[in-house]
Amino acid sequence: MWLVYGFFIGTVTGEHTAPDDRQIKKWPYCNFAYVKAYLYNLENKLYGNHAIIKNGQLDSTVTGAGILLTPPQVEKVLEATNKDIGGLIVGLSKSYIPHHGIVFYDNTHQPVAYITLCFDCEAVRVFPEIPFKPITKELSEKKIKKLLDILAIYKKIILETGLPVFNSPFDYREN
């Protein structure tokens, strides 16, 4: 835990810390300098092209300059993302209309990884992708609860940034 925090602080302040091979083996599989949360896709018109980063740039539907996550928030995002989230990647409701993104940047301010989130659809997408076992049967109530608890971690962080989370995709259009 302290190594991740120390590396994050070192990269934000411009200090260079040797990469920890154990961290590179975990998502996002690369070093990063800082992380921002964004609101996007307010018109719900991305239709299957939901990546928040396209051709190395923020999607044109992103609103605002993003909110810088604190080191403890980043650590929570990493911890949640490195759990078994295959059920969230597939999506608990099988639809996907994301409105929130978390983008990881390197020290040259280039995006190196991202997570998109649809709280209404109870789903996430991550890039780089995380390998997971195909889901071939209905998830147990216990597994669904674990996945919803992970989704709640992401939601709490988004709400801490001050970005809104609405109950319906259509509520984003009105704001």
N, C-alpha and C. Protein backbone atom coordinates (compact mmCIF):
# COMPACT_ATOMS: atom_id res chain seq x y z
N MET A 1 0.83 -1.18 0.00
CA MET A 1 0.00 0.00 0.00
C MET A 1 0.87 1.25 0.00
N TRP A 2 1.86 1.31 0.86
CA TRP A 2 2.71 2.50 0.94
C TRP A 2 3.53 2.68 -0.32
N LEU A 3 3.91 1.57 -0.96
CA LEU A 3 4.70 1.67 -2.17
C LEU A 3 3.91 2.34 -3.28
N VAL A 4 2.65 1.96 -3.44
CA VAL A 4 1.79 2.58 -4.45
C VAL A 4 1.64 4.06 -4.12
N TYR A 5 1.35 4.38 -2.87
CA TYR A 5 1.17 5.76 -2.46
C TYR A 5 2.46 6.55 -2.70
N GLY A 6 3.58 5.96 -2.33
CA GLY A 6 4.87 6.63 -2.51
C GLY A 6 5.18 6.85 -3.98
N PHE A 7 4.89 5.86 -4.82
CA PHE A 7 5.13 6.03 -6.24
C PHE A 7 4.23 7.12 -6.80
N PHE A 8 2.96 7.12 -6.39
CA PHE A 8 2.01 8.14 -6.87
C PHE A 8 2.50 9.53 -6.49
N ILE A 9 2.86 9.73 -5.25
CA ILE A 9 3.33 11.03 -4.79
C ILE A 9 4.61 11.40 -5.54
N GLY A 10 5.51 10.44 -5.72
CA GLY A 10 6.75 10.72 -6.42
C GLY A 10 6.52 11.15 -7.85
N THR A 11 5.59 10.52 -8.54
CA THR A 11 5.35 10.89 -9.92
C THR A 11 4.62 12.21 -10.02
N VAL A 12 3.73 12.51 -9.09
CA VAL A 12 3.03 13.79 -9.12
C VAL A 12 4.00 14.93 -8.85
N THR A 13 4.93 14.71 -7.95
CA THR A 13 5.86 15.78 -7.60
C THR A 13 7.06 15.83 -8.54
N GLY A 14 7.12 14.91 -9.50
CA GLY A 14 8.21 14.92 -10.46
C GLY A 14 9.40 14.08 -10.04
N GLU A 15 9.35 13.47 -8.88
CA GLU A 15 10.42 12.59 -8.45
C GLU A 15 10.27 11.27 -9.20
N HIS A 16 11.38 10.67 -9.54
CA HIS A 16 11.33 9.39 -10.25
C HIS A 16 11.61 8.27 -9.26
N THR A 17 10.70 7.33 -9.23
CA THR A 17 10.83 6.18 -8.36
C THR A 17 10.91 4.94 -9.24
N ALA A 18 11.78 4.02 -8.91
CA ALA A 18 11.86 2.79 -9.69
C ALA A 18 10.53 2.08 -9.67
N PRO A 19 10.06 1.62 -10.82
CA PRO A 19 8.77 0.92 -10.83
C PRO A 19 8.83 -0.36 -10.01
N ASP A 20 7.75 -0.65 -9.38
CA ASP A 20 7.62 -1.87 -8.60
C ASP A 20 7.01 -2.93 -9.51
N ASP A 21 7.78 -3.97 -9.84
CA ASP A 21 7.30 -4.99 -10.76
C ASP A 21 6.00 -5.62 -10.31
N ARG A 22 5.78 -5.69 -8.99
CA ARG A 22 4.52 -6.26 -8.51
C ARG A 22 3.35 -5.39 -8.94
N GLN A 23 3.53 -4.07 -8.95
CA GLN A 23 2.44 -3.17 -9.36
C GLN A 23 2.20 -3.24 -10.86
N ILE A 24 3.26 -3.39 -11.67
CA ILE A 24 3.11 -3.45 -13.12
C ILE A 24 2.32 -4.70 -13.50
N LYS A 25 2.35 -5.72 -12.69
CA LYS A 25 1.60 -6.95 -12.97
C LYS A 25 0.12 -6.80 -12.65
N LYS A 26 -0.24 -5.72 -11.97
CA LYS A 26 -1.64 -5.43 -11.66
C LYS A 26 -2.15 -4.34 -12.58
N TRP A 27 -3.48 -4.28 -12.73
CA TRP A 27 -4.07 -3.23 -13.54
C TRP A 27 -3.72 -1.89 -12.91
N PRO A 28 -3.30 -0.88 -13.63
CA PRO A 28 -3.37 -0.68 -15.08
C PRO A 28 -2.17 -1.18 -15.87
N TYR A 29 -1.32 -2.00 -15.28
CA TYR A 29 -0.18 -2.63 -15.95
C TYR A 29 0.86 -1.63 -16.45
N CYS A 30 0.85 -0.43 -15.91
CA CYS A 30 1.83 0.58 -16.32
C CYS A 30 1.96 1.61 -15.20
N ASN A 31 3.00 2.42 -15.30
CA ASN A 31 3.17 3.52 -14.36
C ASN A 31 2.27 4.67 -14.78
N PHE A 32 1.85 5.47 -13.84
CA PHE A 32 1.03 6.64 -14.12
C PHE A 32 1.40 7.73 -13.12
N ALA A 33 1.08 8.97 -13.48
CA ALA A 33 1.44 10.11 -12.64
C ALA A 33 0.26 10.65 -11.86
N TYR A 34 -0.93 10.68 -12.48
CA TYR A 34 -2.10 11.20 -11.80
C TYR A 34 -3.36 10.65 -12.46
N VAL A 35 -4.50 10.87 -11.79
CA VAL A 35 -5.77 10.30 -12.23
C VAL A 35 -6.85 11.36 -12.09
N LYS A 36 -7.72 11.42 -13.11
CA LYS A 36 -8.84 12.37 -13.08
C LYS A 36 -10.16 11.64 -13.35
N ALA A 37 -11.22 12.17 -12.76
CA ALA A 37 -12.57 11.66 -13.00
C ALA A 37 -13.30 12.66 -13.90
N TYR A 38 -14.14 12.13 -14.79
CA TYR A 38 -14.86 12.95 -15.76
C TYR A 38 -16.32 12.53 -15.85
N LEU A 39 -17.12 13.46 -16.33
CA LEU A 39 -18.51 13.23 -16.70
C LEU A 39 -18.57 13.32 -18.23
N TYR A 40 -19.26 12.39 -18.88
CA TYR A 40 -19.35 12.42 -20.34
C TYR A 40 -20.59 11.68 -20.82
N ASN A 41 -20.81 11.72 -22.14
CA ASN A 41 -21.92 11.01 -22.78
C ASN A 41 -23.28 11.46 -22.24
N LEU A 42 -23.44 12.74 -21.99
CA LEU A 42 -24.68 13.23 -21.38
C LEU A 42 -25.89 13.06 -22.30
N GLU A 43 -25.68 13.02 -23.60
CA GLU A 43 -26.79 12.85 -24.54
C GLU A 43 -27.08 11.38 -24.84
N ASN A 44 -26.30 10.46 -24.27
CA ASN A 44 -26.51 9.02 -24.45
C ASN A 44 -26.44 8.60 -25.92
N LYS A 45 -25.54 9.22 -26.69
CA LYS A 45 -25.51 8.94 -28.12
C LYS A 45 -24.22 8.27 -28.59
N LEU A 46 -23.49 7.63 -27.70
CA LEU A 46 -22.25 6.98 -28.13
C LEU A 46 -22.50 5.59 -28.73
N TYR A 47 -23.62 5.00 -28.47
CA TYR A 47 -24.07 3.76 -29.12
C TYR A 47 -22.97 2.73 -29.37
N GLY A 48 -22.46 2.15 -28.31
CA GLY A 48 -21.48 1.09 -28.43
C GLY A 48 -20.05 1.57 -28.60
N ASN A 49 -19.84 2.84 -28.73
CA ASN A 49 -18.49 3.41 -28.85
C ASN A 49 -18.20 4.25 -27.61
N HIS A 50 -18.22 3.58 -26.46
CA HIS A 50 -18.24 4.26 -25.16
C HIS A 50 -16.89 4.61 -24.57
N ALA A 51 -15.81 4.34 -25.25
CA ALA A 51 -14.49 4.66 -24.69
C ALA A 51 -14.38 6.15 -24.40
N ILE A 52 -13.84 6.49 -23.26
CA ILE A 52 -13.66 7.91 -22.93
C ILE A 52 -12.42 8.47 -23.60
N ILE A 53 -11.48 7.60 -23.96
CA ILE A 53 -10.28 8.01 -24.69
C ILE A 53 -10.36 7.42 -26.10
N LYS A 54 -10.29 8.30 -27.09
CA LYS A 54 -10.32 7.88 -28.48
C LYS A 54 -9.17 8.57 -29.21
N ASN A 55 -8.36 7.77 -29.88
CA ASN A 55 -7.19 8.31 -30.58
C ASN A 55 -6.30 9.14 -29.65
N GLY A 56 -6.16 8.68 -28.41
CA GLY A 56 -5.28 9.34 -27.45
C GLY A 56 -5.82 10.62 -26.84
N GLN A 57 -7.09 10.94 -27.12
CA GLN A 57 -7.70 12.17 -26.63
C GLN A 57 -9.00 11.86 -25.89
N LEU A 58 -9.41 12.78 -25.01
CA LEU A 58 -10.71 12.64 -24.35
C LEU A 58 -11.82 12.67 -25.40
N ASP A 59 -12.83 11.87 -25.20
CA ASP A 59 -14.00 11.88 -26.08
C ASP A 59 -14.59 13.28 -26.12
N SER A 60 -15.14 13.67 -27.25
CA SER A 60 -15.67 15.03 -27.42
C SER A 60 -16.87 15.31 -26.52
N THR A 61 -17.48 14.28 -25.95
CA THR A 61 -18.63 14.49 -25.08
C THR A 61 -18.26 14.79 -23.64
N VAL A 62 -16.96 14.72 -23.30
CA VAL A 62 -16.52 15.01 -21.93
C VAL A 62 -16.85 16.45 -21.58
N THR A 63 -17.39 16.65 -20.39
CA THR A 63 -17.69 18.01 -19.92
C THR A 63 -16.69 18.40 -18.84
N GLY A 64 -16.20 19.62 -18.90
CA GLY A 64 -15.29 20.12 -17.88
C GLY A 64 -13.88 19.60 -18.03
N ALA A 65 -13.03 20.04 -17.11
CA ALA A 65 -11.60 19.71 -17.14
C ALA A 65 -11.27 18.47 -16.32
N GLY A 66 -12.27 17.86 -15.70
CA GLY A 66 -12.03 16.69 -14.87
C GLY A 66 -11.65 17.08 -13.45
N ILE A 67 -11.76 16.13 -12.57
CA ILE A 67 -11.46 16.33 -11.15
C ILE A 67 -10.30 15.42 -10.78
N LEU A 68 -9.22 16.00 -10.27
CA LEU A 68 -8.06 15.24 -9.86
C LEU A 68 -8.40 14.39 -8.64
N LEU A 69 -8.13 13.10 -8.72
CA LEU A 69 -8.36 12.22 -7.57
C LEU A 69 -7.20 12.33 -6.59
N THR A 70 -7.52 12.19 -5.32
CA THR A 70 -6.50 12.21 -4.28
C THR A 70 -5.79 10.85 -4.25
N PRO A 71 -4.59 10.78 -3.69
CA PRO A 71 -3.91 9.49 -3.58
C PRO A 71 -4.76 8.41 -2.89
N PRO A 72 -5.48 8.70 -1.79
CA PRO A 72 -6.32 7.64 -1.22
C PRO A 72 -7.44 7.20 -2.17
N GLN A 73 -8.00 8.13 -2.93
CA GLN A 73 -9.04 7.75 -3.90
C GLN A 73 -8.45 6.87 -4.99
N VAL A 74 -7.26 7.22 -5.47
CA VAL A 74 -6.60 6.41 -6.50
C VAL A 74 -6.34 5.01 -5.97
N GLU A 75 -5.87 4.93 -4.75
CA GLU A 75 -5.60 3.62 -4.16
C GLU A 75 -6.88 2.78 -4.09
N LYS A 76 -8.00 3.39 -3.73
CA LYS A 76 -9.28 2.67 -3.68
C LYS A 76 -9.71 2.21 -5.06
N VAL A 77 -9.50 3.06 -6.07
CA VAL A 77 -9.84 2.68 -7.45
C VAL A 77 -9.00 1.48 -7.87
N LEU A 78 -7.71 1.54 -7.60
CA LEU A 78 -6.83 0.43 -7.98
C LEU A 78 -7.20 -0.85 -7.25
N GLU A 79 -7.46 -0.72 -5.97
CA GLU A 79 -7.83 -1.89 -5.18
C GLU A 79 -9.12 -2.52 -5.72
N ALA A 80 -10.11 -1.70 -6.02
CA ALA A 80 -11.39 -2.21 -6.54
C ALA A 80 -11.19 -2.84 -7.91
N THR A 81 -10.43 -2.19 -8.76
CA THR A 81 -10.25 -2.67 -10.13
C THR A 81 -9.46 -3.96 -10.18
N ASN A 82 -8.61 -4.19 -9.21
CA ASN A 82 -7.81 -5.41 -9.20
C ASN A 82 -8.48 -6.56 -8.45
N LYS A 83 -9.74 -6.39 -8.12
CA LYS A 83 -10.54 -7.50 -7.58
C LYS A 83 -11.15 -8.27 -8.76
N ASP A 84 -11.88 -9.30 -8.48
CA ASP A 84 -12.57 -10.07 -9.53
C ASP A 84 -13.80 -9.28 -9.98
N ILE A 85 -13.63 -8.47 -11.04
CA ILE A 85 -14.72 -7.62 -11.52
C ILE A 85 -15.31 -8.10 -12.84
N GLY A 86 -15.04 -9.35 -13.20
CA GLY A 86 -15.56 -9.88 -14.46
C GLY A 86 -17.06 -9.69 -14.61
N GLY A 87 -17.80 -9.87 -13.54
CA GLY A 87 -19.26 -9.68 -13.59
C GLY A 87 -19.65 -8.24 -13.88
N LEU A 88 -18.85 -7.28 -13.43
CA LEU A 88 -19.12 -5.87 -13.73
C LEU A 88 -18.72 -5.53 -15.16
N ILE A 89 -17.68 -6.19 -15.66
CA ILE A 89 -17.27 -5.95 -17.04
C ILE A 89 -18.33 -6.49 -17.99
N VAL A 90 -18.87 -7.64 -17.68
CA VAL A 90 -19.98 -8.18 -18.48
C VAL A 90 -21.21 -7.30 -18.28
N GLY A 91 -21.40 -6.84 -17.05
CA GLY A 91 -22.53 -5.98 -16.70
C GLY A 91 -23.62 -6.79 -16.04
N LEU A 92 -24.06 -6.31 -14.90
CA LEU A 92 -25.10 -7.02 -14.17
C LEU A 92 -26.46 -6.89 -14.85
N SER A 93 -26.68 -5.80 -15.60
CA SER A 93 -27.98 -5.66 -16.27
C SER A 93 -27.87 -5.82 -17.78
N LYS A 94 -26.67 -6.10 -18.28
CA LYS A 94 -26.40 -6.38 -19.69
C LYS A 94 -26.57 -5.20 -20.63
N SER A 95 -26.77 -4.00 -20.12
CA SER A 95 -26.78 -2.82 -20.97
C SER A 95 -25.59 -1.96 -20.56
N TYR A 96 -25.28 -0.93 -21.36
CA TYR A 96 -24.14 -0.10 -21.00
C TYR A 96 -24.29 1.29 -21.59
N ILE A 97 -24.55 2.27 -20.72
CA ILE A 97 -24.64 3.67 -21.11
C ILE A 97 -23.84 4.47 -20.07
N PRO A 98 -22.50 4.47 -20.21
CA PRO A 98 -21.67 5.12 -19.19
C PRO A 98 -21.76 6.64 -19.23
N HIS A 99 -21.58 7.23 -18.05
CA HIS A 99 -21.54 8.69 -17.94
C HIS A 99 -20.35 9.18 -17.13
N HIS A 100 -19.56 8.26 -16.60
CA HIS A 100 -18.41 8.62 -15.78
C HIS A 100 -17.18 7.87 -16.27
N GLY A 101 -16.06 8.55 -16.24
CA GLY A 101 -14.80 7.93 -16.61
C GLY A 101 -13.72 8.33 -15.63
N ILE A 102 -12.81 7.43 -15.42
CA ILE A 102 -11.63 7.68 -14.59
C ILE A 102 -10.43 7.42 -15.50
N VAL A 103 -9.61 8.44 -15.69
CA VAL A 103 -8.51 8.36 -16.64
C VAL A 103 -7.18 8.49 -15.90
N PHE A 104 -6.26 7.60 -16.22
CA PHE A 104 -4.91 7.58 -15.66
C PHE A 104 -3.97 8.21 -16.69
N TYR A 105 -3.15 9.16 -16.23
CA TYR A 105 -2.23 9.87 -17.11
C TYR A 105 -0.79 9.61 -16.71
N ASP A 106 0.10 9.62 -17.71
CA ASP A 106 1.53 9.52 -17.40
C ASP A 106 2.09 10.91 -17.12
N ASN A 107 3.40 10.97 -16.87
CA ASN A 107 3.98 12.26 -16.50
C ASN A 107 4.13 13.22 -17.68
N THR A 108 3.77 12.78 -18.90
CA THR A 108 3.72 13.69 -20.05
C THR A 108 2.28 14.10 -20.35
N HIS A 109 1.37 13.79 -19.42
CA HIS A 109 -0.05 14.14 -19.50
C HIS A 109 -0.80 13.39 -20.60
N GLN A 110 -0.28 12.22 -20.96
CA GLN A 110 -0.95 11.38 -21.94
C GLN A 110 -1.74 10.29 -21.21
N PRO A 111 -2.96 9.99 -21.67
CA PRO A 111 -3.73 8.93 -21.02
C PRO A 111 -3.10 7.56 -21.28
N VAL A 112 -3.00 6.76 -20.22
CA VAL A 112 -2.41 5.43 -20.34
C VAL A 112 -3.39 4.32 -19.96
N ALA A 113 -4.48 4.68 -19.29
CA ALA A 113 -5.47 3.69 -18.87
C ALA A 113 -6.75 4.43 -18.51
N TYR A 114 -7.87 3.71 -18.54
CA TYR A 114 -9.13 4.33 -18.11
C TYR A 114 -10.14 3.29 -17.69
N ILE A 115 -11.12 3.78 -16.96
CA ILE A 115 -12.28 3.00 -16.54
C ILE A 115 -13.49 3.83 -16.92
N THR A 116 -14.49 3.20 -17.53
CA THR A 116 -15.76 3.88 -17.74
C THR A 116 -16.80 3.16 -16.89
N LEU A 117 -17.76 3.95 -16.39
CA LEU A 117 -18.71 3.42 -15.41
C LEU A 117 -20.14 3.76 -15.79
N CYS A 118 -21.01 2.77 -15.68
CA CYS A 118 -22.44 2.99 -15.83
C CYS A 118 -23.09 2.47 -14.54
N PHE A 119 -23.44 3.40 -13.67
CA PHE A 119 -24.03 2.99 -12.39
C PHE A 119 -25.44 2.46 -12.58
N ASP A 120 -26.18 3.01 -13.53
CA ASP A 120 -27.53 2.54 -13.80
C ASP A 120 -27.50 1.12 -14.35
N CYS A 121 -26.54 0.82 -15.20
CA CYS A 121 -26.42 -0.50 -15.82
C CYS A 121 -25.63 -1.48 -14.96
N GLU A 122 -25.04 -0.98 -13.87
CA GLU A 122 -24.22 -1.80 -12.98
C GLU A 122 -23.11 -2.51 -13.76
N ALA A 123 -22.32 -1.66 -14.46
CA ALA A 123 -21.26 -2.20 -15.31
C ALA A 123 -20.09 -1.23 -15.41
N VAL A 124 -18.93 -1.79 -15.73
CA VAL A 124 -17.72 -1.01 -15.97
C VAL A 124 -17.02 -1.57 -17.19
N ARG A 125 -16.16 -0.76 -17.79
CA ARG A 125 -15.24 -1.21 -18.82
C ARG A 125 -13.88 -0.66 -18.43
N VAL A 126 -12.84 -1.42 -18.69
CA VAL A 126 -11.49 -0.97 -18.35
C VAL A 126 -10.58 -1.13 -19.56
N PHE A 127 -9.64 -0.21 -19.66
CA PHE A 127 -8.60 -0.30 -20.67
C PHE A 127 -7.29 0.09 -20.01
N PRO A 128 -6.26 -0.72 -20.12
CA PRO A 128 -6.24 -1.99 -20.82
C PRO A 128 -7.19 -3.01 -20.19
N GLU A 129 -7.63 -3.92 -21.03
CA GLU A 129 -8.61 -4.91 -20.57
C GLU A 129 -8.01 -5.81 -19.50
N ILE A 130 -8.88 -6.29 -18.65
CA ILE A 130 -8.51 -7.23 -17.60
C ILE A 130 -9.00 -8.61 -18.02
N PRO A 131 -8.10 -9.58 -18.06
CA PRO A 131 -8.58 -10.93 -18.40
C PRO A 131 -9.44 -11.48 -17.26
N PHE A 132 -10.51 -12.14 -17.62
CA PHE A 132 -11.35 -12.78 -16.61
C PHE A 132 -11.99 -14.03 -17.21
N LYS A 133 -12.37 -14.92 -16.32
CA LYS A 133 -13.00 -16.17 -16.78
C LYS A 133 -14.38 -15.85 -17.32
N PRO A 134 -14.73 -16.44 -18.46
CA PRO A 134 -16.08 -16.22 -18.99
C PRO A 134 -17.14 -16.62 -17.95
N ILE A 135 -18.19 -15.87 -17.91
CA ILE A 135 -19.29 -16.18 -16.99
C ILE A 135 -20.28 -17.04 -17.75
N THR A 136 -20.42 -18.27 -17.31
CA THR A 136 -21.24 -19.23 -18.05
C THR A 136 -22.52 -19.62 -17.33
N LYS A 137 -22.67 -19.11 -16.12
CA LYS A 137 -23.91 -19.41 -15.38
C LYS A 137 -24.31 -18.18 -14.59
N GLU A 138 -25.53 -18.21 -14.13
CA GLU A 138 -26.05 -17.08 -13.36
C GLU A 138 -25.21 -16.89 -12.09
N LEU A 139 -24.93 -15.64 -11.79
CA LEU A 139 -24.14 -15.33 -10.60
C LEU A 139 -24.97 -15.56 -9.33
N SER A 140 -24.30 -15.99 -8.29
CA SER A 140 -24.98 -16.19 -7.01
C SER A 140 -25.30 -14.83 -6.38
N GLU A 141 -26.23 -14.83 -5.46
CA GLU A 141 -26.56 -13.58 -4.75
C GLU A 141 -25.34 -13.05 -4.02
N LYS A 142 -24.53 -13.94 -3.47
CA LYS A 142 -23.32 -13.53 -2.75
C LYS A 142 -22.35 -12.83 -3.71
N LYS A 143 -22.15 -13.38 -4.90
CA LYS A 143 -21.24 -12.78 -5.88
C LYS A 143 -21.79 -11.44 -6.37
N ILE A 144 -23.07 -11.37 -6.61
CA ILE A 144 -23.70 -10.11 -7.04
C ILE A 144 -23.50 -9.04 -5.96
N LYS A 145 -23.68 -9.41 -4.70
CA LYS A 145 -23.47 -8.44 -3.63
C LYS A 145 -22.04 -7.94 -3.61
N LYS A 146 -21.06 -8.84 -3.79
CA LYS A 146 -19.65 -8.43 -3.83
C LYS A 146 -19.40 -7.45 -4.97
N LEU A 147 -20.00 -7.73 -6.13
CA LEU A 147 -19.82 -6.85 -7.28
C LEU A 147 -20.48 -5.49 -7.04
N LEU A 148 -21.66 -5.50 -6.44
CA LEU A 148 -22.33 -4.24 -6.13
C LEU A 148 -21.56 -3.44 -5.10
N ASP A 149 -20.91 -4.12 -4.17
CA ASP A 149 -20.06 -3.44 -3.19
C ASP A 149 -18.86 -2.77 -3.87
N ILE A 150 -18.29 -3.44 -4.86
CA ILE A 150 -17.18 -2.85 -5.62
C ILE A 150 -17.68 -1.63 -6.40
N LEU A 151 -18.84 -1.78 -7.04
CA LEU A 151 -19.41 -0.65 -7.78
C LEU A 151 -19.69 0.53 -6.85
N ALA A 152 -20.09 0.24 -5.63
CA ALA A 152 -20.35 1.30 -4.65
C ALA A 152 -19.07 2.06 -4.29
N ILE A 153 -17.93 1.39 -4.33
CA ILE A 153 -16.65 2.06 -4.08
C ILE A 153 -16.40 3.09 -5.17
N TYR A 154 -16.57 2.68 -6.42
CA TYR A 154 -16.41 3.63 -7.53
C TYR A 154 -17.40 4.80 -7.40
N LYS A 155 -18.64 4.48 -7.09
CA LYS A 155 -19.67 5.52 -6.99
C LYS A 155 -19.33 6.51 -5.88
N LYS A 156 -18.86 6.01 -4.76
CA LYS A 156 -18.50 6.89 -3.64
C LYS A 156 -17.40 7.86 -4.07
N ILE A 157 -16.42 7.36 -4.79
CA ILE A 157 -15.32 8.21 -5.24
C ILE A 157 -15.84 9.26 -6.22
N ILE A 158 -16.68 8.87 -7.15
CA ILE A 158 -17.24 9.83 -8.11
C ILE A 158 -18.03 10.90 -7.35
N LEU A 159 -18.83 10.50 -6.40
CA LEU A 159 -19.60 11.48 -5.63
C LEU A 159 -18.70 12.39 -4.81
N GLU A 160 -17.60 11.85 -4.28
CA GLU A 160 -16.64 12.68 -3.53
C GLU A 160 -16.05 13.78 -4.40
N THR A 161 -15.94 13.53 -5.70
CA THR A 161 -15.39 14.54 -6.61
C THR A 161 -16.37 15.68 -6.85
N GLY A 162 -17.64 15.46 -6.53
CA GLY A 162 -18.66 16.46 -6.81
C GLY A 162 -19.38 16.24 -8.12
N LEU A 163 -18.96 15.23 -8.89
CA LEU A 163 -19.67 14.91 -10.12
C LEU A 163 -21.00 14.26 -9.78
N PRO A 164 -22.06 14.56 -10.54
CA PRO A 164 -23.36 14.00 -10.21
C PRO A 164 -23.49 12.54 -10.67
N VAL A 165 -24.29 11.79 -9.95
CA VAL A 165 -24.69 10.44 -10.34
C VAL A 165 -26.21 10.43 -10.27
N PHE A 166 -26.83 10.25 -11.43
CA PHE A 166 -28.29 10.25 -11.49
C PHE A 166 -28.84 8.83 -11.55
N ASN A 167 -30.14 8.70 -11.32
CA ASN A 167 -30.77 7.39 -11.29
C ASN A 167 -31.11 6.83 -12.65
N SER A 168 -31.09 7.66 -13.67
CA SER A 168 -31.47 7.22 -15.01
C SER A 168 -30.56 7.88 -16.04
N PRO A 169 -30.26 7.20 -17.14
CA PRO A 169 -29.46 7.82 -18.19
C PRO A 169 -30.12 9.08 -18.75
N PHE A 170 -31.42 9.15 -18.71
CA PHE A 170 -32.14 10.29 -19.26
C PHE A 170 -31.99 11.53 -18.37
N ASP A 171 -31.71 11.34 -17.09
CA ASP A 171 -31.52 12.47 -16.19
C ASP A 171 -30.23 13.24 -16.52
N TYR A 172 -29.26 12.61 -17.15
CA TYR A 172 -28.02 13.31 -17.51
C TYR A 172 -28.28 14.34 -18.60
N ARG A 173 -29.20 14.05 -19.51
CA ARG A 173 -29.53 14.98 -20.59
C ARG A 173 -30.08 16.29 -20.07
N GLU A 174 -30.77 16.23 -18.95
CA GLU A 174 -31.44 17.41 -18.42
C GLU A 174 -30.50 18.31 -17.64
N ASN A 175 -29.25 17.92 -17.46
CA ASN A 175 -28.30 18.69 -16.65
C ASN A 175 -27.09 19.13 -17.45
